[in-house]
C-alpha atoms as a PDB file:
ATOM      1  CA  UNK A   1      24.384 295.018 130.836  1.00  0.00           C
ATOM      2  CA  UNK A   2      21.431 296.984 129.491  1.00  0.00           C
ATOM      3  CA  UNK A   3      17.880 296.041 130.632  1.00  0.00           C
ATOM      4  CA  UNK A   4      17.138 294.737 127.206  1.00  0.00           C
ATOM      5  CA  UNK A   5      19.928 292.340 127.169  1.00  0.00           C
ATOM      6  CA  UNK A   6      19.048 290.943 130.699  1.00  0.00           C
ATOM      7  CA  UNK A   7      15.289 290.554 129.613  1.00  0.00           C
ATOM      8  CA  UNK A   8      16.699 288.569 126.484  1.00  0.00           C
ATOM      9  CA  UNK A   9      18.879 286.481 128.504  1.00  0.00           C
ATOM     10  CA  UNK A  10      16.000 285.866 131.189  1.00  0.00           C
ATOM     11  CA  UNK A  11      13.397 284.848 128.332  1.00  0.00           C
ATOM     12  CA  UNK A  12      15.923 282.558 126.711  1.00  0.00           C
ATOM     13  CA  UNK A  13      16.545 281.031 130.084  1.00  0.00           C
ATOM     14  CA  UNK A  14      13.062 280.525 130.882  1.00  0.00           C
ATOM     15  CA  UNK A  15      12.332 279.053 127.337  1.00  0.00           C
ATOM     16  CA  UNK A  16      15.262 276.601 127.666  1.00  0.00           C
ATOM     17  CA  UNK A  17      13.987 275.454 130.851  1.00  0.00           C
ATOM     18  CA  UNK A  18      10.409 274.694 129.400  1.00  0.00           C
ATOM     19  CA  UNK A  19      12.083 272.959 126.695  1.00  0.00           C
ATOM     20  CA  UNK A  20      14.094 270.850 128.919  1.00  0.00           C
ATOM     21  CA  UNK A  21      11.010 270.100 130.954  1.00  0.00           C
ATOM     22  CA  UNK A  22       9.309 268.880 127.886  1.00  0.00           C
ATOM     23  CA  UNK A  23      11.993 266.305 127.235  1.00  0.00           C
ATOM     24  CA  UNK A  24      11.537 264.989 130.699  1.00  0.00           C
ATOM     25  CA  UNK A  25      10.621 260.957 130.666  1.00  0.00           C
ATOM     26  CA  UNK A  26       7.067 260.311 130.984  1.00  0.00           C
ATOM     27  CA  UNK A  27       5.455 257.390 133.069  1.00  0.00           C
ATOM     28  CA  UNK A  28       5.533 254.410 130.387  1.00  0.00           C
ATOM     29  CA  UNK A  29       6.604 254.931 126.816  1.00  0.00           C
ATOM     30  CA  UNK A  30       4.639 256.435 123.990  1.00  0.00           C
ATOM     31  CA  UNK A  31       4.070 254.848 120.638  1.00  0.00           C
ATOM     32  CA  UNK A  32       7.090 256.335 118.780  1.00  0.00           C
ATOM     33  CA  UNK A  33       9.181 254.673 121.480  1.00  0.00           C
ATOM     34  CA  UNK A  34       7.856 251.419 121.142  1.00  0.00           C
ATOM     35  CA  UNK A  35       7.746 251.470 117.400  1.00  0.00           C
ATOM     36  CA  UNK A  36      11.428 252.532 117.613  1.00  0.00           C
ATOM     37  CA  UNK A  37      12.167 249.423 119.737  1.00  0.00           C
ATOM     38  CA  UNK A  38      10.427 247.230 117.460  1.00  0.00           C
ATOM     39  CA  UNK A  39      12.329 248.696 114.555  1.00  0.00           C
ATOM     40  CA  UNK A  40      15.600 247.780 116.412  1.00  0.00           C
ATOM     41  CA  UNK A  41      14.442 244.326 117.244  1.00  0.00           C
ATOM     42  CA  UNK A  42      13.624 244.054 113.422  1.00  0.00           C
ATOM     43  CA  UNK A  43      16.947 245.202 112.354  1.00  0.00           C
ATOM     44  CA  UNK A  44      18.757 242.861 114.974  1.00  0.00           C
ATOM     45  CA  UNK A  45      16.981 239.910 113.365  1.00  0.00           C
ATOM     46  CA  UNK A  46      17.728 240.993 109.904  1.00  0.00           C
ATOM     47  CA  UNK A  47      21.392 241.306 110.798  1.00  0.00           C
ATOM     48  CA  UNK A  48      21.289 237.799 112.103  1.00  0.00           C
ATOM     49  CA  UNK A  49      19.687 236.372 109.026  1.00  0.00           C
ATOM     50  CA  UNK A  50      22.361 238.330 106.777  1.00  0.00           C
ATOM     51  CA  UNK A  51      25.098 236.695 108.749  1.00  0.00           C
ATOM     52  CA  UNK A  52      23.715 233.241 108.677  1.00  0.00           C
ATOM     53  CA  UNK A  53      23.197 233.642 104.832  1.00  0.00           C
ATOM     54  CA  UNK A  54      26.737 234.785 104.609  1.00  0.00           C
ATOM     55  CA  UNK A  55      28.003 231.904 106.386  1.00  0.00           C
ATOM     56  CA  UNK A  56      25.955 229.556 104.122  1.00  0.00           C
ATOM     57  CA  UNK A  57      27.454 231.328 100.813  1.00  0.00           C
ATOM     58  CA  UNK A  58      30.841 230.885 102.065  1.00  0.00           C
ATOM     59  CA  UNK A  59      30.389 227.212 102.833  1.00  0.00           C
ATOM     60  CA  UNK A  60      28.658 226.497  99.440  1.00  0.00           C
ATOM     61  CA  UNK A  61      31.428 228.674  97.568  1.00  0.00           C
ATOM     62  CA  UNK A  62      34.264 226.417  99.560  1.00  0.00           C
ATOM     63  CA  UNK A  63      32.320 223.218  98.598  1.00  0.00           C
ATOM     64  CA  UNK A  64      32.029 224.329  95.041  1.00  0.00           C
ATOM     65  CA  UNK A  65      35.549 225.187  94.782  1.00  0.00           C
ATOM     66  CA  UNK A  66      36.725 221.995  96.270  1.00  0.00           C
ATOM     67  CA  UNK A  67      34.556 220.000  93.678  1.00  0.00           C
ATOM     68  CA  UNK A  68      35.940 222.084  90.701  1.00  0.00           C
ATOM     69  CA  UNK A  69      39.617 221.521  91.722  1.00  0.00           C
ATOM     70  CA  UNK A  70      38.671 217.700  92.023  1.00  0.00           C
ATOM     71  CA  UNK A  71      37.100 217.618  88.610  1.00  0.00           C
ATOM     72  CA  UNK A  72      39.813 219.659  87.113  1.00  0.00           C
ATOM     73  CA  UNK A  73      42.393 217.231  88.638  1.00  0.00           C
ATOM     74  CA  UNK A  74      40.754 214.351  87.389  1.00  0.00           C
ATOM     75  CA  UNK A  75      40.318 215.854  83.845  1.00  0.00           C
ATOM     76  CA  UNK A  76      44.161 216.819  83.950  1.00  0.00           C
ATOM     77  CA  UNK A  77      44.917 213.199  84.470  1.00  0.00           C
ATOM     78  CA  UNK A  78      42.790 211.975  81.947  1.00  0.00           C
ATOM     79  CA  UNK A  79      44.189 214.379  79.525  1.00  0.00           C
ATOM     80  CA  UNK A  80      47.936 213.429  80.371  1.00  0.00           C
ATOM     81  CA  UNK A  81      46.852 209.741  80.140  1.00  0.00           C
ATOM     82  CA  UNK A  82      45.406 210.231  76.707  1.00  0.00           C
ATOM     83  CA  UNK A  83      48.325 212.173  75.440  1.00  0.00           C
ATOM     84  CA  UNK A  84      50.912 209.785  76.940  1.00  0.00           C
ATOM     85  CA  UNK A  85      49.571 206.964  74.802  1.00  0.00           C
ATOM     86  CA  UNK A  86      50.118 208.625  71.386  1.00  0.00           C
END
């Protein structure tokens, strides 16, 4: 390898070492880390609220369907009785 290639390789290795050292975990957490954790908590709460709302809508839809079927059956019976008499 030429001197130039060795020098470039050495400089790249040193810069990589510095960049990895910069990623090292510091004592405590910074404001961005805390903000990220708060966002995570908020997203979890929002997801739980969405799940609860989905269940409520499913239950309401089921109850409505049952009521509509009951009314339709009653109406059908009344129509049948009304037409039977004539």
